[in-house]
Amino acid sequence: MRYKNLSQLLARNNDSKQYFLSLPIGMQMELRGHGEAIHSADDLHQLSALMTTYGIPNHEDEYEHFF
């Protein structure tokens, strides 16, 4: 299912919310910064995997080209 943004995804999808809350706080904050680009559970998992692999970016738009 596609959602408007991360906030809507977390409000309506309990599995995604539980996954999000299991992530480190720094990653949660960075994901919220990219919230308008996250429209599905797959987007959330993909971006968090990129952050785990490549680290949390210093620049807000560093991962934008992946979406």
PDB file of N, CA and C in Angstrom:
ATOM      1  N   MET A   1       0.845  -1.182   0.000  1.00  0.00           N
ATOM      2  CA  MET A   1       0.000   0.000   0.000  1.00  0.00           C
ATOM      3  C   MET A   1       0.888   1.243   0.000  1.00  0.00           C
ATOM      4  N   ARG A   2       0.437   2.269  -0.679  1.00  0.00           N
ATOM      5  CA  ARG A   2       1.178   3.520  -0.794  1.00  0.00           C
ATOM      6  C   ARG A   2       0.565   4.568   0.139  1.00  0.00           C
ATOM      7  N   TYR A   3       1.411   5.270   0.865  1.00  0.00           N
ATOM      8  CA  TYR A   3       0.986   6.296   1.812  1.00  0.00           C
ATOM      9  C   TYR A   3       1.516   7.659   1.370  1.00  0.00           C
ATOM     10  N   LYS A   4       0.957   8.719   1.923  1.00  0.00           N
ATOM     11  CA  LYS A   4       1.350  10.081   1.567  1.00  0.00           C
ATOM     12  C   LYS A   4       2.801  10.359   1.979  1.00  0.00           C
ATOM     13  N   ASN A   5       3.196   9.874   3.154  1.00  0.00           N
ATOM     14  CA  ASN A   5       4.534  10.128   3.684  1.00  0.00           C
ATOM     15  C   ASN A   5       4.810   9.177   4.842  1.00  0.00           C
ATOM     16  N   LEU A   6       5.972   9.306   5.461  1.00  0.00           N
ATOM     17  CA  LEU A   6       6.355   8.444   6.565  1.00  0.00           C
ATOM     18  C   LEU A   6       5.384   8.556   7.732  1.00  0.00           C
ATOM     19  N   SER A   7       4.959   9.753   8.053  1.00  0.00           N
ATOM     20  CA  SER A   7       4.041   9.940   9.185  1.00  0.00           C
ATOM     21  C   SER A   7       2.754   9.152   8.987  1.00  0.00           C
ATOM     22  N   GLN A   8       2.207   9.211   7.797  1.00  0.00           N
ATOM     23  CA  GLN A   8       0.974   8.469   7.520  1.00  0.00           C
ATOM     24  C   GLN A   8       1.232   6.959   7.547  1.00  0.00           C
ATOM     25  N   LEU A   9       2.358   6.533   7.013  1.00  0.00           N
ATOM     26  CA  LEU A   9       2.727   5.118   7.044  1.00  0.00           C
ATOM     27  C   LEU A   9       2.782   4.618   8.486  1.00  0.00           C
ATOM     28  N   LEU A  10       3.457   5.363   9.344  1.00  0.00           N
ATOM     29  CA  LEU A  10       3.601   4.931  10.734  1.00  0.00           C
ATOM     30  C   LEU A  10       2.278   4.967  11.489  1.00  0.00           C
ATOM     31  N   ALA A  11       1.414   5.905  11.145  1.00  0.00           N
ATOM     32  CA  ALA A  11       0.117   6.011  11.811  1.00  0.00           C
ATOM     33  C   ALA A  11      -0.839   4.894  11.413  1.00  0.00           C
ATOM     34  N   ARG A  12      -0.686   4.373  10.215  1.00  0.00           N
ATOM     35  CA  ARG A  12      -1.661   3.412   9.688  1.00  0.00           C
ATOM     36  C   ARG A  12      -1.134   1.980   9.548  1.00  0.00           C
ATOM     37  N   ASN A  13       0.161   1.796   9.704  1.00  0.00           N
ATOM     38  CA  ASN A  13       0.738   0.462   9.507  1.00  0.00           C
ATOM     39  C   ASN A  13       1.535   0.091  10.759  1.00  0.00           C
ATOM     40  N   ASN A  14       0.952  -0.748  11.596  1.00  0.00           N
ATOM     41  CA  ASN A  14       1.568  -1.090  12.870  1.00  0.00           C
ATOM     42  C   ASN A  14       2.900  -1.815  12.704  1.00  0.00           C
ATOM     43  N   ASP A  15       3.018  -2.686  11.710  1.00  0.00           N
ATOM     44  CA  ASP A  15       4.285  -3.386  11.480  1.00  0.00           C
ATOM     45  C   ASP A  15       5.405  -2.403  11.145  1.00  0.00           C
ATOM     46  N   SER A  16       5.099  -1.414  10.303  1.00  0.00           N
ATOM     47  CA  SER A  16       6.093  -0.399   9.957  1.00  0.00           C
ATOM     48  C   SER A  16       6.456   0.448  11.171  1.00  0.00           C
ATOM     49  N   LYS A  17       5.468   0.759  11.983  1.00  0.00           N
ATOM     50  CA  LYS A  17       5.720   1.548  13.191  1.00  0.00           C
ATOM     51  C   LYS A  17       6.635   0.776  14.139  1.00  0.00           C
ATOM     52  N   GLN A  18       6.368  -0.501  14.341  1.00  0.00           N
ATOM     53  CA  GLN A  18       7.217  -1.313  15.221  1.00  0.00           C
ATOM     54  C   GLN A  18       8.632  -1.413  14.668  1.00  0.00           C
ATOM     55  N   TYR A  19       8.757  -1.594  13.367  1.00  0.00           N
ATOM     56  CA  TYR A  19      10.079  -1.652  12.737  1.00  0.00           C
ATOM     57  C   TYR A  19      10.811  -0.327  12.938  1.00  0.00           C
ATOM     58  N   PHE A  20      10.134   0.775  12.653  1.00  0.00           N
ATOM     59  CA  PHE A  20      10.726   2.101  12.793  1.00  0.00           C
ATOM     60  C   PHE A  20      11.226   2.330  14.217  1.00  0.00           C
ATOM     61  N   LEU A  21      10.406   1.972  15.206  1.00  0.00           N
ATOM     62  CA  LEU A  21      10.777   2.188  16.605  1.00  0.00           C
ATOM     63  C   LEU A  21      11.910   1.271  17.058  1.00  0.00           C
ATOM     64  N   SER A  22      12.177   0.203  16.313  1.00  0.00           N
ATOM     65  CA  SER A  22      13.283  -0.689  16.652  1.00  0.00           C
ATOM     66  C   SER A  22      14.631  -0.157  16.160  1.00  0.00           C
ATOM     67  N   LEU A  23      14.599   0.860  15.311  1.00  0.00           N
ATOM     68  CA  LEU A  23      15.820   1.432  14.746  1.00  0.00           C
ATOM     69  C   LEU A  23      16.474   2.388  15.740  1.00  0.00           C
ATOM     70  N   PRO A  24      17.782   2.601  15.620  1.00  0.00           N
ATOM     71  CA  PRO A  24      18.452   3.577  16.485  1.00  0.00           C
ATOM     72  C   PRO A  24      17.835   4.969  16.325  1.00  0.00           C
ATOM     73  N   ILE A  25      17.851   5.732  17.399  1.00  0.00           N
ATOM     74  CA  ILE A  25      17.231   7.069  17.398  1.00  0.00           C
ATOM     75  C   ILE A  25      17.787   7.963  16.292  1.00  0.00           C
ATOM     76  N   GLY A  26      19.090   7.943  16.086  1.00  0.00           N
ATOM     77  CA  GLY A  26      19.684   8.771  15.030  1.00  0.00           C
ATOM     78  C   GLY A  26      19.144   8.430  13.659  1.00  0.00           C
ATOM     79  N   MET A  27      18.941   7.142  13.410  1.00  0.00           N
ATOM     80  CA  MET A  27      18.387   6.719  12.129  1.00  0.00           C
ATOM     81  C   MET A  27      16.924   7.135  12.027  1.00  0.00           C
ATOM     82  N   GLN A  28      16.182   7.017  13.118  1.00  0.00           N
ATOM     83  CA  GLN A  28      14.785   7.460  13.107  1.00  0.00           C
ATOM     84  C   GLN A  28      14.705   8.940  12.748  1.00  0.00           C
ATOM     85  N   MET A  29      15.588   9.746  13.329  1.00  0.00           N
ATOM     86  CA  MET A  29      15.577  11.188  13.054  1.00  0.00           C
ATOM     87  C   MET A  29      15.899  11.462  11.587  1.00  0.00           C
ATOM     88  N   GLU A  30      16.886  10.750  11.067  1.00  0.00           N
ATOM     89  CA  GLU A  30      17.257  10.941   9.658  1.00  0.00           C
ATOM     90  C   GLU A  30      16.125  10.500   8.737  1.00  0.00           C
ATOM     91  N   LEU A  31      15.483   9.382   9.045  1.00  0.00           N
ATOM     92  CA  LEU A  31      14.349   8.912   8.243  1.00  0.00           C
ATOM     93  C   LEU A  31      13.214   9.926   8.273  1.00  0.00           C
ATOM     94  N   ARG A  32      12.955  10.514   9.426  1.00  0.00           N
ATOM     95  CA  ARG A  32      11.908  11.548   9.496  1.00  0.00           C
ATOM     96  C   ARG A  32      12.254  12.737   8.602  1.00  0.00           C
ATOM     97  N   GLY A  33      13.540  13.033   8.485  1.00  0.00           N
ATOM     98  CA  GLY A  33      13.982  14.104   7.593  1.00  0.00           C
ATOM     99  C   GLY A  33      13.715  13.806   6.131  1.00  0.00           C
ATOM    100  N   HIS A  34      13.581  12.526   5.805  1.00  0.00           N
ATOM    101  CA  HIS A  34      13.279  12.089   4.441  1.00  0.00           C
ATOM    102  C   HIS A  34      11.835  11.599   4.333  1.00  0.00           C
ATOM    103  N   GLY A  35      11.024  11.953   5.303  1.00  0.00           N
ATOM    104  CA  GLY A  35       9.661  11.427   5.398  1.00  0.00           C
ATOM    105  C   GLY A  35       8.791  11.635   4.178  1.00  0.00           C
ATOM    106  N   GLU A  36       8.978  12.731   3.470  1.00  0.00           N
ATOM    107  CA  GLU A  36       8.150  12.998   2.289  1.00  0.00           C
ATOM    108  C   GLU A  36       8.496  12.071   1.122  1.00  0.00           C
ATOM    109  N   ALA A  37       9.654  11.403   1.189  1.00  0.00           N
ATOM    110  CA  ALA A  37      10.076  10.486   0.121  1.00  0.00           C
ATOM    111  C   ALA A  37       9.756   9.028   0.462  1.00  0.00           C
ATOM    112  N   ILE A  38       9.200   8.784   1.648  1.00  0.00           N
ATOM    113  CA  ILE A  38       8.889   7.422   2.083  1.00  0.00           C
ATOM    114  C   ILE A  38       7.383   7.223   1.984  1.00  0.00           C
ATOM    115  N   HIS A  39       6.966   6.324   1.071  1.00  0.00           N
ATOM    116  CA  HIS A  39       5.542   6.124   0.797  1.00  0.00           C
ATOM    117  C   HIS A  39       5.064   4.701   1.049  1.00  0.00           C
ATOM    118  N   SER A  40       5.983   3.824   1.463  1.00  0.00           N
ATOM    119  CA  SER A  40       5.602   2.419   1.674  1.00  0.00           C
ATOM    120  C   SER A  40       6.563   1.774   2.661  1.00  0.00           C
ATOM    121  N   ALA A  41       6.173   0.598   3.143  1.00  0.00           N
ATOM    122  CA  ALA A  41       7.052  -0.167   4.013  1.00  0.00           C
ATOM    123  C   ALA A  41       8.333  -0.514   3.274  1.00  0.00           C
ATOM    124  N   ASP A  42       8.227  -0.818   1.989  1.00  0.00           N
ATOM    125  CA  ASP A  42       9.425  -1.121   1.190  1.00  0.00           C
ATOM    126  C   ASP A  42      10.376   0.066   1.149  1.00  0.00           C
ATOM    127  N   ASP A  43       9.840   1.272   0.963  1.00  0.00           N
ATOM    128  CA  ASP A  43      10.682   2.477   0.974  1.00  0.00           C
ATOM    129  C   ASP A  43      11.405   2.606   2.311  1.00  0.00           C
ATOM    130  N   LEU A  44      10.674   2.395   3.401  1.00  0.00           N
ATOM    131  CA  LEU A  44      11.248   2.511   4.739  1.00  0.00           C
ATOM    132  C   LEU A  44      12.383   1.508   4.927  1.00  0.00           C
ATOM    133  N   HIS A  45      12.153   0.268   4.554  1.00  0.00           N
ATOM    134  CA  HIS A  45      13.170  -0.770   4.704  1.00  0.00           C
ATOM    135  C   HIS A  45      14.366  -0.506   3.795  1.00  0.00           C
ATOM    136  N   GLN A  46      14.100  -0.057   2.566  1.00  0.00           N
ATOM    137  CA  GLN A  46      15.176   0.209   1.616  1.00  0.00           C
ATOM    138  C   GLN A  46      16.074   1.343   2.109  1.00  0.00           C
ATOM    139  N   LEU A  47      15.480   2.427   2.554  1.00  0.00           N
ATOM    140  CA  LEU A  47      16.284   3.564   2.996  1.00  0.00           C
ATOM    141  C   LEU A  47      17.034   3.234   4.286  1.00  0.00           C
ATOM    142  N   SER A  48      16.411   2.533   5.207  1.00  0.00           N
ATOM    143  CA  SER A  48      17.124   2.170   6.436  1.00  0.00           C
ATOM    144  C   SER A  48      18.274   1.203   6.129  1.00  0.00           C
ATOM    145  N   ALA A  49      18.100   0.316   5.159  1.00  0.00           N
ATOM    146  CA  ALA A  49      19.181  -0.586   4.761  1.00  0.00           C
ATOM    147  C   ALA A  49      20.339   0.205   4.152  1.00  0.00           C
ATOM    148  N   LEU A  50      20.027   1.204   3.331  1.00  0.00           N
ATOM    149  CA  LEU A  50      21.077   2.052   2.752  1.00  0.00           C
ATOM    150  C   LEU A  50      21.831   2.790   3.854  1.00  0.00           C
ATOM    151  N   MET A  51      21.106   3.283   4.832  1.00  0.00           N
ATOM    152  CA  MET A  51      21.751   3.997   5.940  1.00  0.00           C
ATOM    153  C   MET A  51      22.631   3.057   6.755  1.00  0.00           C
ATOM    154  N   THR A  52      22.198   1.830   6.914  1.00  0.00           N
ATOM    155  CA  THR A  52      22.994   0.841   7.646  1.00  0.00           C
ATOM    156  C   THR A  52      24.263   0.511   6.862  1.00  0.00           C
ATOM    157  N   THR A  53      24.125   0.379   5.563  1.00  0.00           N
ATOM    158  CA  THR A  53      25.263   0.023   4.717  1.00  0.00           C
ATOM    159  C   THR A  53      26.242   1.174   4.541  1.00  0.00           C
ATOM    160  N   TYR A  54      25.717   2.358   4.255  1.00  0.00           N
ATOM    161  CA  TYR A  54      26.561   3.501   3.903  1.00  0.00           C
ATOM    162  C   TYR A  54      26.702   4.543   4.994  1.00  0.00           C
ATOM    163  N   GLY A  55      25.991   4.373   6.092  1.00  0.00           N
ATOM    164  CA  GLY A  55      26.028   5.349   7.170  1.00  0.00           C
ATOM    165  C   GLY A  55      24.962   6.406   6.985  1.00  0.00           C
ATOM    166  N   ILE A  56      24.724   7.131   8.039  1.00  0.00           N
ATOM    167  CA  ILE A  56      23.727   8.204   8.002  1.00  0.00           C
ATOM    168  C   ILE A  56      24.385   9.423   7.369  1.00  0.00           C
ATOM    169  N   PRO A  57      23.764   9.997   6.341  1.00  0.00           N
ATOM    170  CA  PRO A  57      24.401  11.104   5.602  1.00  0.00           C
ATOM    171  C   PRO A  57      24.487  12.392   6.414  1.00  0.00           C
ATOM    172  N   ASN A  58      25.438  13.220   6.043  1.00  0.00           N
ATOM    173  CA  ASN A  58      25.551  14.549   6.624  1.00  0.00           C
ATOM    174  C   ASN A  58      24.690  15.555   5.877  1.00  0.00           C
ATOM    175  N   HIS A  59      24.344  15.224   4.633  1.00  0.00           N
ATOM    176  CA  HIS A  59      23.545  16.116   3.809  1.00  0.00           C
ATOM    177  C   HIS A  59      22.185  15.482   3.567  1.00  0.00           C
ATOM    178  N   GLU A  60      21.155  16.265   3.717  1.00  0.00           N
ATOM    179  CA  GLU A  60      19.776  15.783   3.666  1.00  0.00           C
ATOM    180  C   GLU A  60      19.426  15.062   2.378  1.00  0.00           C
ATOM    181  N   ASP A  61      20.002  15.457   1.247  1.00  0.00           N
ATOM    182  CA  ASP A  61      19.584  14.891  -0.040  1.00  0.00           C
ATOM    183  C   ASP A  61      20.508  13.783  -0.552  1.00  0.00           C
ATOM    184  N   GLU A  62      21.399  13.268   0.276  1.00  0.00           N
ATOM    185  CA  GLU A  62      22.382  12.285  -0.196  1.00  0.00           C
ATOM    186  C   GLU A  62      21.758  11.003  -0.729  1.00  0.00           C
ATOM    187  N   TYR A  63      20.607  10.583  -0.210  1.00  0.00           N
ATOM    188  CA  TYR A  63      19.968   9.346  -0.644  1.00  0.00           C
ATOM    189  C   TYR A  63      18.824   9.581  -1.629  1.00  0.00           C
ATOM    190  N   GLU A  64      18.496  10.813  -1.930  1.00  0.00           N
ATOM    191  CA  GLU A  64      17.327  11.115  -2.751  1.00  0.00           C
ATOM    192  C   GLU A  64      17.363  10.418  -4.101  1.00  0.00           C
ATOM    193  N   HIS A  65      18.541  10.196  -4.682  1.00  0.00           N
ATOM    194  CA  HIS A  65      18.621   9.572  -6.003  1.00  0.00           C
ATOM    195  C   HIS A  65      18.256   8.092  -5.978  1.00  0.00           C
ATOM    196  N   PHE A  66      18.101   7.493  -4.818  1.00  0.00           N
ATOM    197  CA  PHE A  66      17.698   6.091  -4.729  1.00  0.00           C
ATOM    198  C   PHE A  66      16.201   5.906  -4.898  1.00  0.00           C
ATOM    199  N   PHE A  67      15.432   6.981  -4.828  1.00  0.00           N
ATOM    200  CA  PHE A  67      13.964   6.883  -4.947  1.00  0.00           C
ATOM    201  C   PHE A  67      13.496   7.436  -6.271  1.00  0.00           C
TER     202      PHE A  67
END
